[in-house]
């Protein structure tokens, strides 16, 4: 079996591929939209799907088309598979939302720039919600941020998979820089202590929340 083309995911039919361009905090501009629609038209891509991670999947490509598609898009592949830090799900926060309490787009962009694609024992997903309504599903992410009037609340160990787990609260009232520092500590502790294919929530259940807190805080 030959390797998949760069940044492509083999589909169920065993013949066609999907590509998922990397987006920063799910944001698109006019130029990006034009390039995406141009690629869809040029290659007659049959399925264009918005993913749960706030990205766009272009599905149904032939193997020989993939690299040309990346060249036409002028975008890099998103880390959509594998044991790495995936893209950060976020809401608009104070940029436009009347309920926003913190700058979720700014923090999300900083998290993606610092951690996106980092290899870990298993995949790691983050959610950044600008207020307690939690539109970015922070309580169901490996690392979740929730904006409140006095700062960020950080929760860890959430999972929305086959065995859902609500995250545990770790710290409150943090500013943007403190959040970035704490997330780095969480990721380092996870990298050093998790068993292979173990998510953060499972690791916390195994070692105990208090021991995890001591390692991180």
Protein backbone atom coordinates (compact mmCIF):
# COMPACT_ATOMS: atom_id res chain seq x y z
CA UNK A 1 0.00 0.00 0.00
CA UNK A 2 1.38 3.41 -0.96
CA UNK A 3 1.49 6.30 1.47
CA UNK A 4 -1.28 8.88 1.46
CA UNK A 5 -0.51 12.20 -0.23
CA UNK A 6 0.56 15.11 1.95
CA UNK A 7 -2.15 16.23 4.36
CA UNK A 8 -4.76 13.85 2.90
CA UNK A 9 -7.03 11.35 4.65
CA UNK A 10 -8.04 8.18 2.80
CA UNK A 11 -11.81 7.78 2.67
CA UNK A 12 -14.13 4.81 3.18
CA UNK A 13 -14.03 3.79 -0.49
CA UNK A 14 -10.27 3.19 -0.23
CA UNK A 15 -9.67 5.31 -3.33
CA UNK A 16 -10.48 8.97 -2.72
CA UNK A 17 -9.09 11.45 -0.21
CA UNK A 18 -10.17 14.38 1.96
CA UNK A 19 -8.07 17.44 2.73
CA UNK A 20 -8.66 19.86 5.58
CA UNK A 21 -6.95 23.27 5.32
CA UNK A 22 -5.70 24.78 8.56
CA UNK A 23 -7.78 27.71 9.82
CA UNK A 24 -6.90 29.97 12.71
CA UNK A 25 -9.80 29.90 15.19
CA UNK A 26 -12.22 28.94 12.40
CA UNK A 27 -11.82 32.34 10.73
CA UNK A 28 -12.06 32.86 6.98
CA UNK A 29 -11.57 35.96 4.85
CA UNK A 30 -12.77 36.80 1.34
CA UNK A 31 -9.53 35.74 -0.34
CA UNK A 32 -9.56 32.35 1.40
CA UNK A 33 -13.20 31.78 0.47
CA UNK A 34 -12.47 32.60 -3.17
CA UNK A 35 -9.56 30.17 -3.26
CA UNK A 36 -11.62 27.41 -1.65
CA UNK A 37 -14.58 27.88 -3.96
CA UNK A 38 -12.21 28.06 -6.93
CA UNK A 39 -10.67 24.72 -5.96
CA UNK A 40 -14.09 23.13 -5.46
CA UNK A 41 -15.13 24.25 -8.93
CA UNK A 42 -11.84 23.38 -10.67
CA UNK A 43 -11.62 19.85 -9.29
CA UNK A 44 -15.37 19.25 -9.09
CA UNK A 45 -15.08 18.24 -5.43
CA UNK A 46 -18.32 16.39 -4.60
CA UNK A 47 -18.47 16.98 -0.82
CA UNK A 48 -17.59 20.13 1.13
CA UNK A 49 -18.19 19.61 4.85
CA UNK A 50 -17.96 21.90 7.85
CA UNK A 51 -16.32 19.85 10.60
CA UNK A 52 -16.99 19.87 14.32
CA UNK A 53 -13.57 21.46 14.81
CA UNK A 54 -14.55 24.61 12.86
CA UNK A 55 -12.74 23.66 9.67
CA UNK A 56 -13.70 22.87 6.08
CA UNK A 57 -13.14 19.38 4.69
CA UNK A 58 -12.87 18.94 0.92
CA UNK A 59 -13.84 15.33 0.28
CA UNK A 60 -13.59 13.14 -2.81
CA UNK A 61 -10.22 13.99 -4.31
CA UNK A 62 -8.17 11.64 -6.44
CA UNK A 63 -4.67 10.91 -5.18
CA UNK A 64 -2.97 12.72 -8.06
CA UNK A 65 -5.03 15.87 -7.41
CA UNK A 66 -4.08 16.40 -3.78
CA UNK A 67 -0.79 18.26 -4.13
CA UNK A 68 -2.21 20.48 -6.86
CA UNK A 69 -5.12 21.33 -4.58
CA UNK A 70 -2.73 22.42 -1.82
CA UNK A 71 -0.81 24.56 -4.30
CA UNK A 72 -4.02 26.21 -5.52
CA UNK A 73 -5.30 26.78 -2.00
CA UNK A 74 -2.02 28.27 -0.78
CA UNK A 75 -2.87 26.86 2.67
CA UNK A 76 -1.28 24.30 4.95
CA UNK A 77 -2.98 21.06 6.07
CA UNK A 78 -4.62 21.04 9.48
CA UNK A 79 -3.47 18.39 11.98
CA UNK A 80 -6.75 16.49 11.65
CA UNK A 81 -5.53 12.99 12.56
CA UNK A 82 -2.88 11.44 14.78
CA UNK A 83 -1.69 11.85 18.36
CA UNK A 84 -1.11 15.59 18.20
CA UNK A 85 -2.59 18.86 19.39
CA UNK A 86 -5.52 19.50 17.06
CA UNK A 87 -6.99 22.87 16.11
CA UNK A 88 -8.51 25.00 18.85
CA UNK A 89 -12.30 25.35 18.84
CA UNK A 90 -13.40 28.84 19.82
CA UNK A 91 -16.26 31.34 19.87
CA UNK A 92 -16.10 35.02 18.82
CA UNK A 93 -15.78 36.27 22.41
CA UNK A 94 -15.61 40.01 22.97
CA UNK A 95 -14.80 40.64 19.30
CA UNK A 96 -18.51 40.64 18.43
CA UNK A 97 -20.61 38.71 20.97
CA UNK A 98 -22.67 40.68 23.48
CA UNK A 99 -22.13 37.92 26.06
CA UNK A 100 -18.34 37.84 25.67
CA UNK A 101 -16.25 38.37 28.77
CA UNK A 102 -12.75 37.61 27.43
CA UNK A 103 -10.87 37.78 24.11
CA UNK A 104 -11.30 34.18 22.98
CA UNK A 105 -10.05 34.76 19.42
CA UNK A 106 -6.78 36.27 20.63
CA UNK A 107 -6.11 33.46 23.13
CA UNK A 108 -7.14 30.77 20.66
CA UNK A 109 -4.74 32.13 18.04
CA UNK A 110 -1.91 32.18 20.59
CA UNK A 111 -2.62 28.58 21.61
CA UNK A 112 -2.65 27.40 18.00
CA UNK A 113 0.58 29.20 17.20
CA UNK A 114 2.36 27.69 20.21
CA UNK A 115 1.01 24.14 20.37
CA UNK A 116 -0.69 23.13 17.11
CA UNK A 117 0.62 19.81 15.80
CA UNK A 118 2.71 18.97 18.88
CA UNK A 119 3.09 15.20 19.21
CA UNK A 120 1.63 13.68 22.39
CA UNK A 121 0.56 10.27 23.76
CA UNK A 122 -2.87 10.81 22.16
CA UNK A 123 -4.82 13.56 20.44
CA UNK A 124 -5.49 16.70 22.45
CA UNK A 125 -8.37 19.06 21.81
CA UNK A 126 -8.89 22.53 23.25
CA UNK A 127 -11.96 24.72 23.52
CA UNK A 128 -11.91 28.45 24.23
CA UNK A 129 -15.24 29.98 25.25
CA UNK A 130 -15.43 33.72 25.82
CA UNK A 131 -18.17 33.42 28.43
CA UNK A 132 -19.77 30.76 30.70
CA UNK A 133 -22.37 29.86 28.05
CA UNK A 134 -19.51 27.75 26.65
CA UNK A 135 -20.32 27.77 22.92
CA UNK A 136 -16.88 26.20 22.28
CA UNK A 137 -17.82 23.21 24.47
CA UNK A 138 -14.92 23.83 26.84
CA UNK A 139 -16.20 21.37 29.46
CA UNK A 140 -15.91 18.57 26.88
CA UNK A 141 -12.35 19.27 25.76
CA UNK A 142 -9.01 17.94 27.02
CA UNK A 143 -8.21 21.54 27.94
CA UNK A 144 -10.99 24.08 28.19
CA UNK A 145 -10.98 27.83 28.83
CA UNK A 146 -14.05 29.73 30.00
CA UNK A 147 -14.09 33.52 30.04
CA UNK A 148 -15.55 35.27 33.08
CA UNK A 149 -15.49 38.93 34.17
CA UNK A 150 -12.40 38.45 36.38
CA UNK A 151 -10.46 36.31 33.91
CA UNK A 152 -10.19 32.79 32.54
CA UNK A 153 -11.29 29.57 34.21
CA UNK A 154 -9.24 26.56 33.09
CA UNK A 155 -10.74 23.05 33.06
CA UNK A 156 -9.05 19.79 32.08
CA UNK A 157 -9.92 16.23 31.13
CA UNK A 158 -13.13 16.67 29.19
CA UNK A 159 -14.14 14.29 26.42
CA UNK A 160 -17.17 14.17 24.13
CA UNK A 161 -16.44 10.71 22.71
CA UNK A 162 -18.04 7.32 23.26
CA UNK A 163 -17.53 7.68 27.02
CA UNK A 164 -18.27 11.37 27.72
CA UNK A 165 -16.44 13.03 30.59
CA UNK A 166 -17.02 16.49 32.06
CA UNK A 167 -13.76 18.32 32.68
CA UNK A 168 -12.37 19.10 36.13
CA UNK A 169 -11.85 22.70 37.22
CA UNK A 170 -8.19 23.56 37.66
CA UNK A 171 -7.76 27.33 38.10
CA UNK A 172 -9.76 30.57 37.92
CA UNK A 173 -9.29 34.30 37.32
CA UNK A 174 -6.24 34.01 35.06
CA UNK A 175 -5.15 36.61 32.53
CA UNK A 176 -4.13 35.70 28.97
CA UNK A 177 -0.43 35.21 29.73
CA UNK A 178 -1.16 33.10 32.81
CA UNK A 179 -3.44 30.91 30.72
CA UNK A 180 -0.73 30.25 28.14
CA UNK A 181 1.73 29.35 30.89
CA UNK A 182 -0.74 26.99 32.58
CA UNK A 183 -1.70 25.27 29.33
CA UNK A 184 1.99 24.65 28.65
CA UNK A 185 2.37 23.07 32.10
CA UNK A 186 -0.70 20.88 31.53
CA UNK A 187 0.62 19.66 28.18
CA UNK A 188 4.06 18.97 29.65
CA UNK A 189 2.60 16.96 32.55
CA UNK A 190 0.42 15.03 30.13
CA UNK A 191 3.34 14.32 27.81
CA UNK A 192 5.51 13.07 30.69
CA UNK A 193 2.93 11.01 32.60
CA UNK A 194 0.30 9.64 30.19
CA UNK A 195 0.35 6.08 28.97
CA UNK A 196 0.25 5.45 25.24
CA UNK A 197 -3.13 6.39 23.72
CA UNK A 198 -4.36 7.71 27.08
CA UNK A 199 -6.30 10.98 26.98
CA UNK A 200 -5.88 13.57 29.73
CA UNK A 201 -9.19 12.66 31.40
CA UNK A 202 -8.23 8.98 31.61
CA UNK A 203 -4.84 9.94 33.02
CA UNK A 204 -6.48 12.09 35.70
CA UNK A 205 -8.84 9.24 36.61
CA UNK A 206 -5.87 6.89 36.93
CA UNK A 207 -3.59 9.13 39.01
CA UNK A 208 -6.23 11.18 40.82
CA UNK A 209 -7.12 14.83 40.39
CA UNK A 210 -5.15 16.02 43.44
CA UNK A 211 -1.93 14.41 42.25
CA UNK A 212 -2.46 15.92 38.81
CA UNK A 213 -3.00 19.36 40.37
CA UNK A 214 0.21 19.02 42.38
CA UNK A 215 2.18 18.21 39.24
CA UNK A 216 0.70 21.13 37.31
CA UNK A 217 0.27 23.82 39.96
